[in-house]
Amino acid sequence: MSNLSTLEANSLKGALEALLLVSSDPVSAPALAGALDIAPGECASLLAELKVEYEEANRGFQLREVAGGWRLFTHPAYHDVVEAYVLSWDTQKLSQAALETLAVIAYHQPVTREVVKGIRGVNS
């Protein structure tokens, strides 16, 4: 991604957003800077700008610095809407075989398919 260092700040902000969207854990500014091949200070500055932009635009998400890194969160004002939506997802019940397989995996992890097959006594 070395070509990003020559791009304007908006393109770098877009790249930061993309990286934050695919990260399930908080990501430090130096780690993000390394991925974009820019200075950590520049990255921290861009993250702070993004945070302010989201706050001023009253977006449905926020950028927060937590646990030594940066992460996107849903805006607390929309908690009820998000909760209702997530709880409305169609939930399928797992078959008995699937539950047994998950139980074996949870208890013996890491585990191979062959070990699961041996414990359950059937193909999994």
PDB file of N, CA and C in Angstrom:
ATOM      1  N   MET A   1       0.817  -1.202   0.000  1.00  0.00           N
ATOM      2  CA  MET A   1       0.000   0.000   0.000  1.00  0.00           C
ATOM      3  C   MET A   1       0.853   1.256   0.000  1.00  0.00           C
ATOM      4  N   SER A   2       2.062   1.164  -0.417  1.00  0.00           N
ATOM      5  CA  SER A   2       2.958   2.310  -0.344  1.00  0.00           C
ATOM      6  C   SER A   2       2.470   3.481  -1.182  1.00  0.00           C
ATOM      7  N   ASN A   3       1.617   3.232  -2.175  1.00  0.00           N
ATOM      8  CA  ASN A   3       1.112   4.339  -2.982  1.00  0.00           C
ATOM      9  C   ASN A   3       0.132   5.221  -2.213  1.00  0.00           C
ATOM     10  N   LEU A   4      -0.386   4.759  -1.084  1.00  0.00           N
ATOM     11  CA  LEU A   4      -1.310   5.570  -0.304  1.00  0.00           C
ATOM     12  C   LEU A   4      -0.621   6.762   0.340  1.00  0.00           C
ATOM     13  N   SER A   5       0.667   6.641   0.618  1.00  0.00           N
ATOM     14  CA  SER A   5       1.367   7.737   1.286  1.00  0.00           C
ATOM     15  C   SER A   5       1.404   8.989   0.423  1.00  0.00           C
ATOM     16  N   THR A   6       1.225   8.836  -0.869  1.00  0.00           N
ATOM     17  CA  THR A   6       1.230   9.997  -1.752  1.00  0.00           C
ATOM     18  C   THR A   6      -0.181  10.521  -2.006  1.00  0.00           C
ATOM     19  N   LEU A   7      -1.187   9.843  -1.507  1.00  0.00           N
ATOM     20  CA  LEU A   7      -2.561  10.270  -1.727  1.00  0.00           C
ATOM     21  C   LEU A   7      -2.942  11.355  -0.738  1.00  0.00           C
ATOM     22  N   GLU A   8      -4.011  12.045  -1.046  1.00  0.00           N
ATOM     23  CA  GLU A   8      -4.472  13.111  -0.166  1.00  0.00           C
ATOM     24  C   GLU A   8      -5.089  12.538   1.105  1.00  0.00           C
ATOM     25  N   ALA A   9      -5.293  13.403   2.082  1.00  0.00           N
ATOM     26  CA  ALA A   9      -5.771  12.979   3.397  1.00  0.00           C
ATOM     27  C   ALA A   9      -7.106  12.250   3.319  1.00  0.00           C
ATOM     28  N   ASN A  10      -8.020  12.674   2.429  1.00  0.00           N
ATOM     29  CA  ASN A  10      -9.321  12.018   2.325  1.00  0.00           C
ATOM     30  C   ASN A  10      -9.181  10.568   1.894  1.00  0.00           C
ATOM     31  N   SER A  11      -8.244  10.282   1.005  1.00  0.00           N
ATOM     32  CA  SER A  11      -8.029   8.902   0.583  1.00  0.00           C
ATOM     33  C   SER A  11      -7.453   8.084   1.731  1.00  0.00           C
ATOM     34  N   LEU A  12      -6.573   8.674   2.506  1.00  0.00           N
ATOM     35  CA  LEU A  12      -6.025   7.977   3.667  1.00  0.00           C
ATOM     36  C   LEU A  12      -7.116   7.732   4.703  1.00  0.00           C
ATOM     37  N   LYS A  13      -8.005   8.702   4.864  1.00  0.00           N
ATOM     38  CA  LYS A  13      -9.113   8.520   5.799  1.00  0.00           C
ATOM     39  C   LYS A  13     -10.000   7.364   5.342  1.00  0.00           C
ATOM     40  N   GLY A  14     -10.244   7.287   4.061  1.00  0.00           N
ATOM     41  CA  GLY A  14     -11.039   6.182   3.520  1.00  0.00           C
ATOM     42  C   GLY A  14     -10.362   4.850   3.770  1.00  0.00           C
ATOM     43  N   ALA A  15      -9.053   4.802   3.598  1.00  0.00           N
ATOM     44  CA  ALA A  15      -8.308   3.574   3.859  1.00  0.00           C
ATOM     45  C   ALA A  15      -8.369   3.219   5.346  1.00  0.00           C
ATOM     46  N   LEU A  16      -8.272   4.223   6.206  1.00  0.00           N
ATOM     47  CA  LEU A  16      -8.393   3.977   7.643  1.00  0.00           C
ATOM     48  C   LEU A  16      -9.767   3.420   7.981  1.00  0.00           C
ATOM     49  N   GLU A  17     -10.805   3.987   7.392  1.00  0.00           N
ATOM     50  CA  GLU A  17     -12.158   3.500   7.629  1.00  0.00           C
ATOM     51  C   GLU A  17     -12.288   2.044   7.211  1.00  0.00           C
ATOM     52  N   ALA A  18     -11.734   1.718   6.057  1.00  0.00           N
ATOM     53  CA  ALA A  18     -11.806   0.340   5.563  1.00  0.00           C
ATOM     54  C   ALA A  18     -11.103  -0.618   6.520  1.00  0.00           C
ATOM     55  N   LEU A  19      -9.935  -0.225   7.012  1.00  0.00           N
ATOM     56  CA  LEU A  19      -9.204  -1.076   7.947  1.00  0.00           C
ATOM     57  C   LEU A  19      -9.967  -1.235   9.259  1.00  0.00           C
ATOM     58  N   LEU A  20     -10.564  -0.154   9.735  1.00  0.00           N
ATOM     59  CA  LEU A  20     -11.322  -0.223  10.982  1.00  0.00           C
ATOM     60  C   LEU A  20     -12.576  -1.088  10.840  1.00  0.00           C
ATOM     61  N   LEU A  21     -13.182  -1.069   9.662  1.00  0.00           N
ATOM     62  CA  LEU A  21     -14.387  -1.869   9.439  1.00  0.00           C
ATOM     63  C   LEU A  21     -14.101  -3.365   9.479  1.00  0.00           C
ATOM     64  N   VAL A  22     -12.928  -3.774   9.052  1.00  0.00           N
ATOM     65  CA  VAL A  22     -12.619  -5.200   9.034  1.00  0.00           C
ATOM     66  C   VAL A  22     -11.927  -5.672  10.308  1.00  0.00           C
ATOM     67  N   SER A  23     -11.677  -4.769  11.234  1.00  0.00           N
ATOM     68  CA  SER A  23     -11.002  -5.118  12.486  1.00  0.00           C
ATOM     69  C   SER A  23     -12.025  -5.372  13.574  1.00  0.00           C
ATOM     70  N   SER A  24     -11.947  -6.541  14.183  1.00  0.00           N
ATOM     71  CA  SER A  24     -12.890  -6.853  15.255  1.00  0.00           C
ATOM     72  C   SER A  24     -12.391  -6.367  16.609  1.00  0.00           C
ATOM     73  N   ASP A  25     -11.106  -6.088  16.709  1.00  0.00           N
ATOM     74  CA  ASP A  25     -10.512  -5.599  17.950  1.00  0.00           C
ATOM     75  C   ASP A  25      -9.981  -4.194  17.740  1.00  0.00           C
ATOM     76  N   PRO A  26      -9.791  -3.442  18.830  1.00  0.00           N
ATOM     77  CA  PRO A  26      -9.182  -2.114  18.690  1.00  0.00           C
ATOM     78  C   PRO A  26      -7.799  -2.224  18.053  1.00  0.00           C
ATOM     79  N   VAL A  27      -7.497  -1.281  17.152  1.00  0.00           N
ATOM     80  CA  VAL A  27      -6.227  -1.296  16.432  1.00  0.00           C
ATOM     81  C   VAL A  27      -5.469  -0.019  16.776  1.00  0.00           C
ATOM     82  N   SER A  28      -4.204  -0.162  17.128  1.00  0.00           N
ATOM     83  CA  SER A  28      -3.402   0.996  17.515  1.00  0.00           C
ATOM     84  C   SER A  28      -3.079   1.851  16.295  1.00  0.00           C
ATOM     85  N   ALA A  29      -2.838   3.126  16.547  1.00  0.00           N
ATOM     86  CA  ALA A  29      -2.464   4.040  15.464  1.00  0.00           C
ATOM     87  C   ALA A  29      -1.172   3.595  14.785  1.00  0.00           C
ATOM     88  N   PRO A  30      -0.153   3.150  15.529  1.00  0.00           N
ATOM     89  CA  PRO A  30       1.059   2.672  14.846  1.00  0.00           C
ATOM     90  C   PRO A  30       0.810   1.460  13.941  1.00  0.00           C
ATOM     91  N   ALA A  31      -0.085   0.564  14.356  1.00  0.00           N
ATOM     92  CA  ALA A  31      -0.402  -0.596  13.515  1.00  0.00           C
ATOM     93  C   ALA A  31      -1.105  -0.159  12.235  1.00  0.00           C
ATOM     94  N   LEU A  32      -2.037   0.774  12.367  1.00  0.00           N
ATOM     95  CA  LEU A  32      -2.727   1.293  11.185  1.00  0.00           C
ATOM     96  C   LEU A  32      -1.751   2.053  10.290  1.00  0.00           C
ATOM     97  N   ALA A  33      -0.862   2.828  10.916  1.00  0.00           N
ATOM     98  CA  ALA A  33       0.136   3.582  10.147  1.00  0.00           C
ATOM     99  C   ALA A  33       1.038   2.632   9.379  1.00  0.00           C
ATOM    100  N   GLY A  34       1.414   1.524  10.005  1.00  0.00           N
ATOM    101  CA  GLY A  34       2.246   0.542   9.318  1.00  0.00           C
ATOM    102  C   GLY A  34       1.541  -0.079   8.131  1.00  0.00           C
ATOM    103  N   ALA A  35       0.249  -0.329   8.267  1.00  0.00           N
ATOM    104  CA  ALA A  35      -0.524  -0.906   7.157  1.00  0.00           C
ATOM    105  C   ALA A  35      -0.639   0.068   5.997  1.00  0.00           C
ATOM    106  N   LEU A  36      -0.641   1.363   6.306  1.00  0.00           N
ATOM    107  CA  LEU A  36      -0.793   2.378   5.261  1.00  0.00           C
ATOM    108  C   LEU A  36       0.536   3.004   4.847  1.00  0.00           C
ATOM    109  N   ASP A  37       1.604   2.607   5.515  1.00  0.00           N
ATOM    110  CA  ASP A  37       2.944   3.125   5.211  1.00  0.00           C
ATOM    111  C   ASP A  37       3.000   4.645   5.367  1.00  0.00           C
ATOM    112  N   ILE A  38       2.463   5.112   6.505  1.00  0.00           N
ATOM    113  CA  ILE A  38       2.528   6.534   6.837  1.00  0.00           C
ATOM    114  C   ILE A  38       3.083   6.668   8.256  1.00  0.00           C
ATOM    115  N   ALA A  39       3.408   7.875   8.652  1.00  0.00           N
ATOM    116  CA  ALA A  39       3.946   8.113   9.993  1.00  0.00           C
ATOM    117  C   ALA A  39       2.864   7.908  11.046  1.00  0.00           C
ATOM    118  N   PRO A  40       3.207   7.317  12.187  1.00  0.00           N
ATOM    119  CA  PRO A  40       2.211   7.111  13.245  1.00  0.00           C
ATOM    120  C   PRO A  40       1.540   8.410  13.707  1.00  0.00           C
ATOM    121  N   GLY A  41       2.295   9.492  13.742  1.00  0.00           N
ATOM    122  CA  GLY A  41       1.716  10.775  14.129  1.00  0.00           C
ATOM    123  C   GLY A  41       0.666  11.251  13.141  1.00  0.00           C
ATOM    124  N   GLU A  42       0.946  11.063  11.862  1.00  0.00           N
ATOM    125  CA  GLU A  42      -0.023  11.440  10.826  1.00  0.00           C
ATOM    126  C   GLU A  42      -1.280  10.589  10.950  1.00  0.00           C
ATOM    127  N   CYS A  43      -1.088   9.314  11.222  1.00  0.00           N
ATOM    128  CA  CYS A  43      -2.219   8.409  11.378  1.00  0.00           C
ATOM    129  C   CYS A  43      -3.074   8.817  12.586  1.00  0.00           C
ATOM    130  N   ALA A  44      -2.436   9.112  13.702  1.00  0.00           N
ATOM    131  CA  ALA A  44      -3.168   9.532  14.901  1.00  0.00           C
ATOM    132  C   ALA A  44      -3.953  10.807  14.630  1.00  0.00           C
ATOM    133  N   SER A  45      -3.359  11.714  13.881  1.00  0.00           N
ATOM    134  CA  SER A  45      -4.033  12.967  13.532  1.00  0.00           C
ATOM    135  C   SER A  45      -5.255  12.703  12.656  1.00  0.00           C
ATOM    136  N   LEU A  46      -5.111  11.827  11.676  1.00  0.00           N
ATOM    137  CA  LEU A  46      -6.229  11.484  10.793  1.00  0.00           C
ATOM    138  C   LEU A  46      -7.357  10.799  11.573  1.00  0.00           C
ATOM    139  N   LEU A  47      -6.991   9.933  12.508  1.00  0.00           N
ATOM    140  CA  LEU A  47      -8.003   9.264  13.329  1.00  0.00           C
ATOM    141  C   LEU A  47      -8.768  10.272  14.188  1.00  0.00           C
ATOM    142  N   ALA A  48      -8.049  11.224  14.750  1.00  0.00           N
ATOM    143  CA  ALA A  48      -8.702  12.267  15.557  1.00  0.00           C
ATOM    144  C   ALA A  48      -9.640  13.102  14.688  1.00  0.00           C
ATOM    145  N   GLU A  49      -9.212  13.416  13.465  1.00  0.00           N
ATOM    146  CA  GLU A  49     -10.077  14.164  12.543  1.00  0.00           C
ATOM    147  C   GLU A  49     -11.332  13.370  12.203  1.00  0.00           C
ATOM    148  N   LEU A  50     -11.169  12.069  11.946  1.00  0.00           N
ATOM    149  CA  LEU A  50     -12.328  11.233  11.642  1.00  0.00           C
ATOM    150  C   LEU A  50     -13.300  11.210  12.821  1.00  0.00           C
ATOM    151  N   LYS A  51     -12.768  11.097  14.012  1.00  0.00           N
ATOM    152  CA  LYS A  51     -13.608  11.073  15.205  1.00  0.00           C
ATOM    153  C   LYS A  51     -14.451  12.335  15.297  1.00  0.00           C
ATOM    154  N   VAL A  52     -13.830  13.481  15.087  1.00  0.00           N
ATOM    155  CA  VAL A  52     -14.541  14.764  15.147  1.00  0.00           C
ATOM    156  C   VAL A  52     -15.573  14.858  14.022  1.00  0.00           C
ATOM    157  N   GLU A  53     -15.195  14.431  12.815  1.00  0.00           N
ATOM    158  CA  GLU A  53     -16.126  14.480  11.677  1.00  0.00           C
ATOM    159  C   GLU A  53     -17.377  13.658  11.964  1.00  0.00           C
ATOM    160  N   TYR A  54     -17.197  12.455  12.523  1.00  0.00           N
ATOM    161  CA  TYR A  54     -18.346  11.609  12.826  1.00  0.00           C
ATOM    162  C   TYR A  54     -19.230  12.240  13.897  1.00  0.00           C
ATOM    163  N   GLU A  55     -18.611  12.843  14.905  1.00  0.00           N
ATOM    164  CA  GLU A  55     -19.381  13.479  15.974  1.00  0.00           C
ATOM    165  C   GLU A  55     -20.170  14.674  15.448  1.00  0.00           C
ATOM    166  N   GLU A  56     -19.532  15.496  14.622  1.00  0.00           N
ATOM    167  CA  GLU A  56     -20.200  16.685  14.087  1.00  0.00           C
ATOM    168  C   GLU A  56     -21.314  16.327  13.125  1.00  0.00           C
ATOM    169  N   ALA A  57     -21.170  15.237  12.391  1.00  0.00           N
ATOM    170  CA  ALA A  57     -22.186  14.822  11.433  1.00  0.00           C
ATOM    171  C   ALA A  57     -23.294  14.001  12.090  1.00  0.00           C
ATOM    172  N   ASN A  58     -23.134  13.720  13.408  1.00  0.00           N
ATOM    173  CA  ASN A  58     -24.124  12.924  14.137  1.00  0.00           C
ATOM    174  C   ASN A  58     -24.415  11.609  13.420  1.00  0.00           C
ATOM    175  N   ARG A  59     -23.351  10.892  13.086  1.00  0.00           N
ATOM    176  CA  ARG A  59     -23.461   9.630  12.365  1.00  0.00           C
ATOM    177  C   ARG A  59     -24.018   8.536  13.268  1.00  0.00           C
ATOM    178  N   GLY A  60     -24.387   7.419  12.686  1.00  0.00           N
ATOM    179  CA  GLY A  60     -24.907   6.283  13.439  1.00  0.00           C
ATOM    180  C   GLY A  60     -23.808   5.460  14.080  1.00  0.00           C
ATOM    181  N   PHE A  61     -22.582   5.881  13.887  1.00  0.00           N
ATOM    182  CA  PHE A  61     -21.447   5.195  14.495  1.00  0.00           C
ATOM    183  C   PHE A  61     -20.463   6.221  15.017  1.00  0.00           C
ATOM    184  N   GLN A  62     -19.608   5.757  15.900  1.00  0.00           N
ATOM    185  CA  GLN A  62     -18.597   6.616  16.494  1.00  0.00           C
ATOM    186  C   GLN A  62     -17.245   5.933  16.395  1.00  0.00           C
ATOM    187  N   LEU A  63     -16.209   6.747  16.347  1.00  0.00           N
ATOM    188  CA  LEU A  63     -14.843   6.236  16.399  1.00  0.00           C
ATOM    189  C   LEU A  63     -14.322   6.565  17.787  1.00  0.00           C
ATOM    190  N   ARG A  64     -13.919   5.516  18.498  1.00  0.00           N
ATOM    191  CA  ARG A  64     -13.430   5.720  19.859  1.00  0.00           C
ATOM    192  C   ARG A  64     -12.065   5.081  20.033  1.00  0.00           C
ATOM    193  N   GLU A  65     -11.294   5.694  20.927  1.00  0.00           N
ATOM    194  CA  GLU A  65     -10.003   5.123  21.290  1.00  0.00           C
ATOM    195  C   GLU A  65     -10.207   4.341  22.583  1.00  0.00           C
ATOM    196  N   VAL A  66     -10.073   3.019  22.496  1.00  0.00           N
ATOM    197  CA  VAL A  66     -10.275   2.144  23.649  1.00  0.00           C
ATOM    198  C   VAL A  66      -9.201   1.069  23.666  1.00  0.00           C
ATOM    199  N   ALA A  67      -8.841   0.637  24.846  1.00  0.00           N
ATOM    200  CA  ALA A  67      -7.902  -0.477  25.020  1.00  0.00           C
ATOM    201  C   ALA A  67      -6.629  -0.297  24.203  1.00  0.00           C
ATOM    202  N   GLY A  68      -6.136   0.929  24.140  1.00  0.00           N
ATOM    203  CA  GLY A  68      -4.890   1.184  23.431  1.00  0.00           C
ATOM    204  C   GLY A  68      -5.008   1.178  21.925  1.00  0.00           C
ATOM    205  N   GLY A  69      -6.224   1.250  21.408  1.00  0.00           N
ATOM    206  CA  GLY A  69      -6.422   1.251  19.960  1.00  0.00           C
ATOM    207  C   GLY A  69      -7.704   1.963  19.580  1.00  0.00           C
ATOM    208  N   TRP A  70      -7.974   1.970  18.303  1.00  0.00           N
ATOM    209  CA  TRP A  70      -9.164   2.649  17.759  1.00  0.00           C
ATOM    210  C   TRP A  70     -10.142   1.609  17.248  1.00  0.00           C
ATOM    211  N   ARG A  71     -11.438   1.922  17.427  1.00  0.00           N
ATOM    212  CA  ARG A  71     -12.475   0.989  17.001  1.00  0.00           C
ATOM    213  C   ARG A  71     -13.755   1.755  16.687  1.00  0.00           C
ATOM    214  N   LEU A  72     -14.523   1.239  15.734  1.00  0.00           N
ATOM    215  CA  LEU A  72     -15.830   1.813  15.403  1.00  0.00           C
ATOM    216  C   LEU A  72     -16.896   1.173  16.279  1.00  0.00           C
ATOM    217  N   PHE A  73     -17.808   2.003  16.781  1.00  0.00           N
ATOM    218  CA  PHE A  73     -18.914   1.549  17.612  1.00  0.00           C
ATOM    219  C   PHE A  73     -20.202   2.161  17.082  1.00  0.00           C
ATOM    220  N   THR A  74     -21.328   1.492  17.336  1.00  0.00           N
ATOM    221  CA  THR A  74     -22.607   2.123  17.010  1.00  0.00           C
ATOM    222  C   THR A  74     -22.846   3.248  18.003  1.00  0.00           C
ATOM    223  N   HIS A  75     -23.554   4.262  17.548  1.00  0.00           N
ATOM    224  CA  HIS A  75     -23.848   5.425  18.399  1.00  0.00           C
ATOM    225  C   HIS A  75     -24.835   5.012  19.483  1.00  0.00           C
ATOM    226  N   PRO A  76     -24.569   5.376  20.738  1.00  0.00           N
ATOM    227  CA  PRO A  76     -25.475   4.998  21.833  1.00  0.00           C
ATOM    228  C   PRO A  76     -26.910   5.480  21.642  1.00  0.00           C
ATOM    229  N   ALA A  77     -27.109   6.572  20.917  1.00  0.00           N
ATOM    230  CA  ALA A  77     -28.459   7.096  20.707  1.00  0.00           C
ATOM    231  C   ALA A  77     -29.321   6.114  19.915  1.00  0.00           C
ATOM    232  N   TYR A  78     -28.702   5.221  19.169  1.00  0.00           N
ATOM    233  CA  TYR A  78     -29.443   4.280  18.324  1.00  0.00           C
ATOM    234  C   TYR A  78     -29.471   2.878  18.923  1.00  0.00           C
ATOM    235  N   HIS A  79     -29.167   2.776  20.206  1.00  0.00           N
ATOM    236  CA  HIS A  79     -29.110   1.469  20.863  1.00  0.00           C
ATOM    237  C   HIS A  79     -30.418   0.696  20.719  1.00  0.00           C
ATOM    238  N   ASP A  80     -31.541   1.347  20.976  1.00  0.00           N
ATOM    239  CA  ASP A  80     -32.834   0.651  20.923  1.00  0.00           C
ATOM    240  C   ASP A  80     -33.130   0.122  19.529  1.00  0.00           C
ATOM    241  N   VAL A  81     -32.828   0.910  18.515  1.00  0.00           N
ATOM    242  CA  VAL A  81     -33.084   0.495  17.137  1.00  0.00           C
ATOM    243  C   VAL A  81     -32.197  -0.689  16.763  1.00  0.00           C
ATOM    244  N   VAL A  82     -30.925  -0.601  17.122  1.00  0.00           N
ATOM    245  CA  VAL A  82     -29.984  -1.673  16.812  1.00  0.00           C
ATOM    246  C   VAL A  82     -30.372  -2.950  17.555  1.00  0.00           C
ATOM    247  N   GLU A  83     -30.728  -2.811  18.820  1.00  0.00           N
ATOM    248  CA  GLU A  83     -31.107  -3.979  19.616  1.00  0.00           C
ATOM    249  C   GLU A  83     -32.328  -4.676  19.022  1.00  0.00           C
ATOM    250  N   ALA A  84     -33.352  -3.911  18.655  1.00  0.00           N
ATOM    251  CA  ALA A  84     -34.566  -4.494  18.078  1.00  0.00           C
ATOM    252  C   ALA A  84     -34.244  -5.200  16.757  1.00  0.00           C
ATOM    253  N   TYR A  85     -33.385  -4.600  15.958  1.00  0.00           N
ATOM    254  CA  TYR A  85     -33.024  -5.191  14.675  1.00  0.00           C
ATOM    255  C   TYR A  85     -32.268  -6.506  14.868  1.00  0.00           C
ATOM    256  N   VAL A  86     -31.288  -6.498  15.749  1.00  0.00           N
ATOM    257  CA  VAL A  86     -30.486  -7.700  15.969  1.00  0.00           C
ATOM    258  C   VAL A  86     -31.346  -8.815  16.557  1.00  0.00           C
ATOM    259  N   LEU A  87     -32.215  -8.481  17.482  1.00  0.00           N
ATOM    260  CA  LEU A  87     -33.069  -9.497  18.083  1.00  0.00           C
ATOM    261  C   LEU A  87     -34.123 -10.020  17.120  1.00  0.00           C
ATOM    262  N   SER A  88     -34.380  -9.308  16.038  1.00  0.00           N
ATOM    263  CA  SER A  88     -35.379  -9.752  15.071  1.00  0.00           C
ATOM    264  C   SER A  88     -34.813 -10.740  14.057  1.00  0.00           C
ATOM    265  N   TRP A  89     -33.500 -10.915  14.062  1.00  0.00           N
ATOM    266  CA  TRP A  89     -32.898 -11.847  13.095  1.00  0.00           C
ATOM    267  C   TRP A  89     -33.488 -13.224  13.285  1.00  0.00           C
ATOM    268  N   ASP A  90     -33.746 -13.869  12.179  1.00  0.00           N
ATOM    269  CA  ASP A  90     -34.289 -15.221  12.204  1.00  0.00           C
ATOM    270  C   ASP A  90     -33.225 -16.159  12.776  1.00  0.00           C
ATOM    271  N   THR A  91     -33.577 -16.788  13.859  1.00  0.00           N
ATOM    272  CA  THR A  91     -32.618 -17.700  14.475  1.00  0.00           C
ATOM    273  C   THR A  91     -33.044 -19.131  14.200  1.00  0.00           C
ATOM    274  N   GLN A  92     -32.141 -19.889  13.632  1.00  0.00           N
ATOM    275  CA  GLN A  92     -32.427 -21.288  13.359  1.00  0.00           C
ATOM    276  C   GLN A  92     -31.914 -22.123  14.514  1.00  0.00           C
ATOM    277  N   LYS A  93     -32.663 -23.144  14.828  1.00  0.00           N
ATOM    278  CA  LYS A  93     -32.207 -24.061  15.862  1.00  0.00           C
ATOM    279  C   LYS A  93     -31.230 -25.041  15.234  1.00  0.00           C
ATOM    280  N   LEU A  94     -30.230 -25.403  16.001  1.00  0.00           N
ATOM    281  CA  LEU A  94     -29.248 -26.366  15.523  1.00  0.00           C
ATOM    282  C   LEU A  94     -29.769 -27.777  15.754  1.00  0.00           C
ATOM    283  N   SER A  95     -29.396 -28.667  14.847  1.00  0.00           N
ATOM    284  CA  SER A  95     -29.766 -30.069  15.003  1.00  0.00           C
ATOM    285  C   SER A  95     -28.987 -30.668  16.165  1.00  0.00           C
ATOM    286  N   GLN A  96     -29.447 -31.825  16.625  1.00  0.00           N
ATOM    287  CA  GLN A  96     -28.752 -32.513  17.712  1.00  0.00           C
ATOM    288  C   GLN A  96     -27.316 -32.839  17.307  1.00  0.00           C
ATOM    289  N   ALA A  97     -27.119 -33.256  16.059  1.00  0.00           N
ATOM    290  CA  ALA A  97     -25.776 -33.591  15.574  1.00  0.00           C
ATOM    291  C   ALA A  97     -24.867 -32.363  15.590  1.00  0.00           C
ATOM    292  N   ALA A  98     -25.414 -31.214  15.183  1.00  0.00           N
ATOM    293  CA  ALA A  98     -24.619 -29.991  15.172  1.00  0.00           C
ATOM    294  C   ALA A  98     -24.252 -29.575  16.591  1.00  0.00           C
ATOM    295  N   LEU A  99     -25.191 -29.709  17.522  1.00  0.00           N
ATOM    296  CA  LEU A  99     -24.917 -29.379  18.920  1.00  0.00           C
ATOM    297  C   LEU A  99     -23.841 -30.287  19.504  1.00  0.00           C
ATOM    298  N   GLU A 100     -23.916 -31.594  19.184  1.00  0.00           N
ATOM    299  CA  GLU A 100     -22.900 -32.528  19.666  1.00  0.00           C
ATOM    300  C   GLU A 100     -21.525 -32.169  19.119  1.00  0.00           C
ATOM    301  N   THR A 101     -21.481 -31.854  17.832  1.00  0.00           N
ATOM    302  CA  THR A 101     -20.218 -31.499  17.200  1.00  0.00           C
ATOM    303  C   THR A 101     -19.639 -30.240  17.827  1.00  0.00           C
ATOM    304  N   LEU A 102     -20.464 -29.228  18.046  1.00  0.00           N
ATOM    305  CA  LEU A 102     -19.986 -27.996  18.678  1.00  0.00           C
ATOM    306  C   LEU A 102     -19.513 -28.238  20.105  1.00  0.00           C
ATOM    307  N   ALA A 103     -20.190 -29.111  20.818  1.00  0.00           N
ATOM    308  CA  ALA A 103     -19.779 -29.431  22.183  1.00  0.00           C
ATOM    309  C   ALA A 103     -18.404 -30.097  22.191  1.00  0.00           C
ATOM    310  N   VAL A 104     -18.175 -31.023  21.268  1.00  0.00           N
ATOM    311  CA  VAL A 104     -16.875 -31.689  21.170  1.00  0.00           C
ATOM    312  C   VAL A 104     -15.790 -30.676  20.832  1.00  0.00           C
ATOM    313  N   ILE A 105     -16.078 -29.784  19.887  1.00  0.00           N
ATOM    314  CA  ILE A 105     -15.100 -28.766  19.494  1.00  0.00           C
ATOM    315  C   ILE A 105     -14.799 -27.839  20.664  1.00  0.00           C
ATOM    316  N   ALA A 106     -15.831 -27.411  21.374  1.00  0.00           N
ATOM    317  CA  ALA A 106     -15.630 -26.495  22.497  1.00  0.00           C
ATOM    318  C   ALA A 106     -14.808 -27.147  23.602  1.00  0.00           C
ATOM    319  N   TYR A 107     -15.041 -28.415  23.849  1.00  0.00           N
ATOM    320  CA  TYR A 107     -14.355 -29.094  24.934  1.00  0.00           C
ATOM    321  C   TYR A 107     -12.922 -29.475  24.574  1.00  0.00           C
ATOM    322  N   HIS A 108     -12.690 -29.885  23.341  1.00  0.00           N
ATOM    323  CA  HIS A 108     -11.387 -30.423  22.947  1.00  0.00           C
ATOM    324  C   HIS A 108     -10.556 -29.487  22.079  1.00  0.00           C
ATOM    325  N   GLN A 109     -10.991 -28.271  21.854  1.00  0.00           N
ATOM    326  CA  GLN A 109     -10.291 -27.419  20.893  1.00  0.00           C
ATOM    327  C   GLN A 109      -8.849 -27.177  21.266  1.00  0.00           C
ATOM    328  N   PRO A 110      -7.967 -27.015  20.319  1.00  0.00           N
ATOM    329  CA  PRO A 110      -8.201 -27.207  18.884  1.00  0.00           C
ATOM    330  C   PRO A 110      -8.340 -28.695  18.572  1.00  0.00           C
ATOM    331  N   VAL A 111      -9.185 -28.991  17.618  1.00  0.00           N
ATOM    332  CA  VAL A 111      -9.508 -30.378  17.314  1.00  0.00           C
ATOM    333  C   VAL A 111      -9.661 -30.536  15.801  1.00  0.00           C
ATOM    334  N   THR A 112      -9.294 -31.710  15.305  1.00  0.00           N
ATOM    335  CA  THR A 112      -9.429 -31.975  13.874  1.00  0.00           C
ATOM    336  C   THR A 112     -10.755 -32.676  13.612  1.00  0.00           C
ATOM    337  N   ARG A 113     -11.124 -32.732  12.372  1.00  0.00           N
ATOM    338  CA  ARG A 113     -12.352 -33.408  11.974  1.00  0.00           C
ATOM    339  C   ARG A 113     -12.307 -34.888  12.352  1.00  0.00           C
ATOM    340  N   GLU A 114     -11.129 -35.479  12.205  1.00  0.00           N
ATOM    341  CA  GLU A 114     -10.983 -36.895  12.538  1.00  0.00           C
ATOM    342  C   GLU A 114     -11.208 -37.158  14.025  1.00  0.00           C
ATOM    343  N   VAL A 115     -10.738 -36.265  14.865  1.00  0.00           N
ATOM    344  CA  VAL A 115     -10.949 -36.435  16.312  1.00  0.00           C
ATOM    345  C   VAL A 115     -12.434 -36.306  16.634  1.00  0.00           C
ATOM    346  N   VAL A 116     -13.099 -35.328  16.043  1.00  0.00           N
ATOM    347  CA  VAL A 116     -14.539 -35.172  16.261  1.00  0.00           C
ATOM    348  C   VAL A 116     -15.273 -36.431  15.812  1.00  0.00           C
ATOM    349  N   LYS A 117     -14.900 -36.934  14.651  1.00  0.00           N
ATOM    350  CA  LYS A 117     -15.505 -38.155  14.117  1.00  0.00           C
ATOM    351  C   LYS A 117     -15.291 -39.320  15.071  1.00  0.00           C
ATOM    352  N   GLY A 118     -14.091 -39.453  15.630  1.00  0.00           N
ATOM    353  CA  GLY A 118     -13.802 -40.550  16.551  1.00  0.00           C
ATOM    354  C   GLY A 118     -14.591 -40.445  17.843  1.00  0.00           C
ATOM    355  N   ILE A 119     -14.736 -39.240  18.367  1.00  0.00           N
ATOM    356  CA  ILE A 119     -15.459 -39.050  19.622  1.00  0.00           C
ATOM    357  C   ILE A 119     -16.951 -39.301  19.427  1.00  0.00           C
ATOM    358  N   ARG A 120     -17.496 -38.765  18.349  1.00  0.00           N
ATOM    359  CA  ARG A 120     -18.937 -38.919  18.097  1.00  0.00           C
ATOM    360  C   ARG A 120     -19.282 -40.285  17.549  1.00  0.00           C
ATOM    361  N   GLY A 121     -18.333 -40.936  16.890  1.00  0.00           N
ATOM    362  CA  GLY A 121     -18.590 -42.261  16.331  1.00  0.00           C
ATOM    363  C   GLY A 121     -19.312 -42.250  14.995  1.00  0.00           C
ATOM    364  N   VAL A 122     -19.471 -41.068  14.409  1.00  0.00           N
ATOM    365  CA  VAL A 122     -20.110 -40.929  13.093  1.00  0.00           C
ATOM    366  C   VAL A 122     -19.365 -39.866  12.296  1.00  0.00           C
ATOM    367  N   ASN A 123     -19.587 -39.830  10.997  1.00  0.00           N
ATOM    368  CA  ASN A 123     -18.977 -38.784  10.172  1.00  0.00           C
ATOM    369  C   ASN A 123     -19.523 -37.424  10.580  1.00  0.00           C
ATOM    370  N   SER A 124     -18.624 -36.462  10.657  1.00  0.00           N
ATOM    371  CA  SER A 124     -19.036 -35.112  11.028  1.00  0.00           C
ATOM    372  C   SER A 124     -18.655 -34.135   9.948  1.00  0.00           C
TER     373      SER A 124
END
